[in-house]
Amino acid sequence: MLLLAADTSGKRGSLTLARGDQHGFETLEVVPLTGGTFSAQLVPQIAELLFRHGFSKSDLDALVVASGPGSFTGLRVGLAAIKGLAEVLQRPIAAVSLLEVLVLAAGSDGAMVAALDAGRAEAYAGDYEVASGKARLQRESLLKEEEFVALVRGKLATAVTPDKLVLGWAQKHGFEVCAVEHPRSDAVARLGLEKLLARETVSPADLEANYIRRSDAEVFSQR
């Protein structure tokens, strides 16, 4: 199965061309993308990536995308590109949460809370139970420092994060934390392959970004 995976959720993004099946996974290439220019880079970079490896878009068997949480604009750009390709090629899509990628990167079982810096002194948090390399989501939320500490301690969980904000909270409050690298699109592709093999796919019409935080426009319109 030949896969194209995209992550445009943050300041840094990337594309991955990979292949795999029930027996293994292979990354062919990871292409970095510069934040703020995703809309200009994404389609040309996809075309160049496929060309370098002797493929055309019709050779793709499936598409994988990081669905969030993260930048409103970045996520919209990435999801729009993947939706367009899926509609044209009639290929399945696997949508992957970066929080799930994080908890699996820790390589441990038990209660885990994945966290990403959300700005404004808040963190995107995913509360998971992990067993045998599978993560079961309990809930996702946007938390301030005190709320995050209460969640981790209340669950007797291990926090997993790549970000200095949450590492600082752990040091300040003395809870267990596992520091990991910020996930790239190759990790997104690997988890996406598992979802595709399990038939956990989404149609282009139903593919939506998982922002967790509401946009300022939504907040102000309700006010």
Protein backbone atom coordinates (compact mmCIF):
# COMPACT_ATOMS: atom_id res chain seq x y z
CA MET A 1 0.00 0.00 0.00
CA LEU A 2 1.52 3.33 -1.10
CA LEU A 3 0.62 6.17 1.30
CA LEU A 4 0.88 9.93 1.26
CA ALA A 5 0.68 11.59 4.69
CA ALA A 6 0.44 15.30 5.46
CA ASP A 7 0.88 17.25 8.69
CA THR A 8 0.24 21.00 8.50
CA SER A 9 -0.89 21.45 12.10
CA GLY A 10 1.86 23.71 13.42
CA LYS A 11 4.74 26.05 12.69
CA ARG A 12 6.61 23.15 11.13
CA GLY A 13 4.91 20.67 8.84
CA SER A 14 5.90 17.81 6.61
CA LEU A 15 4.85 15.34 3.94
CA THR A 16 5.69 11.66 3.96
CA LEU A 17 5.63 9.10 1.20
CA ALA A 18 5.55 5.60 2.67
CA ARG A 19 4.43 2.08 1.98
CA GLY A 20 3.41 -0.80 4.14
CA ASP A 21 1.03 -3.62 4.93
CA GLN A 22 0.24 -6.01 7.79
CA HIS A 23 3.87 -7.11 7.87
CA GLY A 24 5.76 -3.83 7.93
CA PHE A 25 6.10 -0.12 7.29
CA GLU A 26 8.71 1.76 5.25
CA THR A 27 9.25 5.51 5.00
CA LEU A 28 10.36 6.45 1.49
CA GLU A 29 10.92 10.16 2.17
CA VAL A 30 9.93 12.94 4.56
CA VAL A 31 9.70 16.46 3.11
CA PRO A 32 9.71 19.39 5.57
CA LEU A 33 7.26 22.25 5.04
CA THR A 34 7.65 25.79 6.33
CA GLY A 35 4.78 27.17 8.39
CA GLY A 36 2.96 30.16 6.99
CA THR A 37 3.45 29.01 3.40
CA PHE A 38 1.63 25.66 3.46
CA SER A 39 -0.97 26.79 0.92
CA ALA A 40 1.74 27.69 -1.60
CA GLN A 41 4.00 24.70 -0.92
CA LEU A 42 1.72 21.76 -0.41
CA VAL A 43 0.52 20.80 -3.90
CA PRO A 44 3.88 21.46 -5.67
CA GLN A 45 5.74 19.51 -2.99
CA ILE A 46 3.36 16.56 -3.31
CA ALA A 47 3.91 16.51 -7.09
CA GLU A 48 7.70 16.72 -6.72
CA LEU A 49 7.78 14.05 -4.02
CA LEU A 50 5.88 11.58 -6.17
CA PHE A 51 7.98 12.41 -9.25
CA ARG A 52 11.28 11.84 -7.41
CA HIS A 53 10.20 8.30 -6.56
CA GLY A 54 8.79 7.50 -9.98
CA PHE A 55 5.13 7.62 -9.00
CA SER A 56 2.09 9.55 -10.12
CA LYS A 57 -0.84 10.49 -7.93
CA SER A 58 -2.85 7.59 -9.36
CA ASP A 59 -0.31 5.17 -7.81
CA LEU A 60 -1.37 6.23 -4.31
CA ASP A 61 -3.45 3.62 -2.51
CA ALA A 62 -4.51 5.76 0.45
CA LEU A 63 -4.09 9.15 2.11
CA VAL A 64 -3.32 10.03 5.73
CA VAL A 65 -3.65 13.41 7.40
CA ALA A 66 -2.98 14.89 10.83
CA SER A 67 -6.44 16.13 11.80
CA GLY A 68 -5.32 18.16 14.83
CA PRO A 69 -5.10 19.71 17.21
CA GLY A 70 -3.18 22.73 16.00
CA SER A 71 -3.30 25.83 13.83
CA PHE A 72 -6.72 26.65 12.40
CA THR A 73 -5.29 27.85 9.08
CA GLY A 74 -2.66 25.13 8.78
CA LEU A 75 -5.09 22.30 9.45
CA ARG A 76 -7.59 23.67 6.93
CA VAL A 77 -4.91 23.80 4.22
CA GLY A 78 -3.76 20.24 4.84
CA LEU A 79 -7.22 18.77 5.07
CA ALA A 80 -8.37 20.58 1.93
CA ALA A 81 -5.48 19.13 -0.08
CA ILE A 82 -6.08 15.60 1.18
CA LYS A 83 -9.83 15.90 0.60
CA GLY A 84 -9.21 17.04 -2.97
CA LEU A 85 -6.88 14.17 -3.76
CA ALA A 86 -9.19 11.62 -2.17
CA GLU A 87 -12.19 12.87 -4.15
CA VAL A 88 -10.32 12.86 -7.46
CA LEU A 89 -8.59 9.51 -6.92
CA GLN A 90 -11.41 7.82 -4.98
CA ARG A 91 -8.97 6.74 -2.26
CA PRO A 92 -9.59 6.13 1.46
CA ILE A 93 -8.45 8.61 4.11
CA ALA A 94 -7.15 7.90 7.61
CA ALA A 95 -7.41 10.88 9.98
CA VAL A 96 -4.85 10.82 12.80
CA SER A 97 -4.78 12.78 16.05
CA LEU A 98 -1.34 14.10 16.99
CA LEU A 99 -2.21 13.40 20.62
CA GLU A 100 -2.63 9.70 19.85
CA VAL A 101 0.71 9.71 18.02
CA LEU A 102 2.31 11.20 21.15
CA VAL A 103 1.01 8.62 23.62
CA LEU A 104 2.10 5.76 21.38
CA ALA A 105 5.56 7.34 21.02
CA ALA A 106 6.05 6.90 24.76
CA GLY A 107 6.07 3.13 24.31
CA SER A 108 4.35 2.43 27.63
CA ASP A 109 1.04 0.97 28.75
CA GLY A 110 -1.39 2.39 31.28
CA ALA A 111 -2.99 5.77 31.87
CA MET A 112 -1.33 8.40 29.67
CA VAL A 113 -2.09 12.06 29.05
CA ALA A 114 -0.65 13.51 25.84
CA ALA A 115 -0.15 17.26 25.74
CA LEU A 116 0.75 19.91 23.17
CA ASP A 117 1.37 23.59 23.82
CA ALA A 118 -1.78 25.40 22.65
CA GLY A 119 -0.51 28.93 23.36
CA ARG A 120 -2.16 31.34 25.81
CA ALA A 121 -0.65 29.28 28.69
CA GLU A 122 -2.91 26.34 27.80
CA ALA A 123 -2.35 22.80 26.57
CA TYR A 124 -4.24 20.50 24.25
CA ALA A 125 -4.65 17.33 26.32
CA GLY A 126 -5.66 13.81 25.34
CA ASP A 127 -6.53 11.36 28.11
CA TYR A 128 -5.78 7.79 26.94
CA GLU A 129 -5.61 4.23 28.19
CA VAL A 130 -2.81 2.42 26.37
CA ALA A 131 -2.44 -1.35 26.16
CA SER A 132 -0.38 -3.52 23.80
CA GLY A 133 0.41 -0.60 21.51
CA LYS A 134 -3.22 0.48 21.16
CA ALA A 135 -4.53 3.77 22.57
CA ARG A 136 -8.14 4.20 23.67
CA LEU A 137 -9.25 7.81 23.97
CA GLN A 138 -11.15 8.87 27.08
CA ARG A 139 -11.49 12.57 26.30
CA GLU A 140 -9.73 15.54 24.72
CA SER A 141 -9.74 19.01 26.21
CA LEU A 142 -8.07 22.40 26.36
CA LEU A 143 -6.60 22.86 29.84
CA LYS A 144 -4.85 25.49 31.89
CA GLU A 145 -1.96 24.55 34.17
CA GLU A 146 -4.00 23.76 37.29
CA GLU A 147 -6.56 21.75 35.30
CA PHE A 148 -3.86 19.74 33.56
CA VAL A 149 -2.07 18.94 36.82
CA ALA A 150 -5.38 17.85 38.37
CA LEU A 151 -6.09 15.53 35.41
CA VAL A 152 -2.67 13.86 35.52
CA ARG A 153 -2.76 13.38 39.28
CA GLY A 154 -6.40 12.29 39.35
CA LYS A 155 -5.75 9.59 36.74
CA LEU A 156 -2.36 8.62 38.22
CA ALA A 157 -1.22 9.07 34.65
CA THR A 158 2.07 9.69 32.89
CA ALA A 159 2.14 12.89 30.87
CA VAL A 160 3.67 12.74 27.38
CA THR A 161 4.79 15.90 25.61
CA PRO A 162 7.40 17.42 23.29
CA ASP A 163 6.84 20.96 24.57
CA LYS A 164 8.69 23.07 27.13
CA LEU A 165 5.43 24.44 28.56
CA VAL A 166 4.25 21.08 29.86
CA LEU A 167 7.75 19.96 30.84
CA GLY A 168 7.88 23.09 32.98
CA TRP A 169 4.56 22.23 34.61
CA ALA A 170 5.87 18.75 35.42
CA GLN A 171 9.02 20.12 37.01
CA LYS A 172 7.05 22.69 39.00
CA HIS A 173 4.43 20.27 40.32
CA GLY A 174 6.46 17.08 40.48
CA PHE A 175 4.43 14.72 38.30
CA GLU A 176 5.78 12.06 35.96
CA VAL A 177 6.39 13.12 32.37
CA CYS A 178 7.80 11.41 29.28
CA ALA A 179 9.56 13.82 26.92
CA VAL A 180 9.28 12.83 23.24
CA GLU A 181 10.07 14.45 19.91
CA HIS A 182 7.36 16.47 18.21
CA PRO A 183 5.60 14.04 15.86
CA ARG A 184 6.34 14.29 12.14
CA SER A 185 4.25 13.09 9.24
CA ASP A 186 6.11 9.76 9.10
CA ALA A 187 4.75 8.90 12.56
CA VAL A 188 1.34 10.08 11.35
CA ALA A 189 1.69 7.80 8.31
CA ARG A 190 2.62 4.79 10.47
CA LEU A 191 -0.45 5.17 12.68
CA GLY A 192 -2.54 5.95 9.61
CA LEU A 193 -1.55 2.62 8.07
CA GLU A 194 -2.83 0.81 11.16
CA LYS A 195 -6.13 2.65 10.88
CA LEU A 196 -6.41 1.87 7.17
CA LEU A 197 -5.78 -1.82 7.77
CA ALA A 198 -8.44 -1.77 10.49
CA ARG A 199 -10.81 0.01 8.05
CA GLU A 200 -10.96 3.07 10.31
CA THR A 201 -11.36 5.51 7.44
CA VAL A 202 -13.29 8.69 6.77
CA SER A 203 -14.86 10.03 3.58
CA PRO A 204 -13.80 13.41 2.15
CA ALA A 205 -17.23 14.82 3.02
CA ASP A 206 -16.89 13.76 6.66
CA LEU A 207 -13.23 14.69 7.17
CA GLU A 208 -12.99 17.55 9.66
CA ALA A 209 -10.23 19.18 11.65
CA ASN A 210 -10.04 18.42 15.36
CA TYR A 211 -9.28 21.91 16.67
CA ILE A 212 -10.32 21.26 20.33
CA ARG A 213 -10.14 25.03 20.89
CA ARG A 214 -12.92 27.11 19.36
CA SER A 215 -11.85 29.89 17.02
CA ASP A 216 -12.00 33.51 18.17
CA ALA A 217 -14.68 34.11 15.53
CA GLU A 218 -16.93 31.47 17.13
CA VAL A 219 -16.36 32.85 20.61
CA PHE A 220 -17.03 36.45 19.62
CA SER A 221 -20.08 35.59 17.52
CA GLN A 222 -21.68 33.78 20.49
CA ARG A 223 -20.97 36.76 22.70
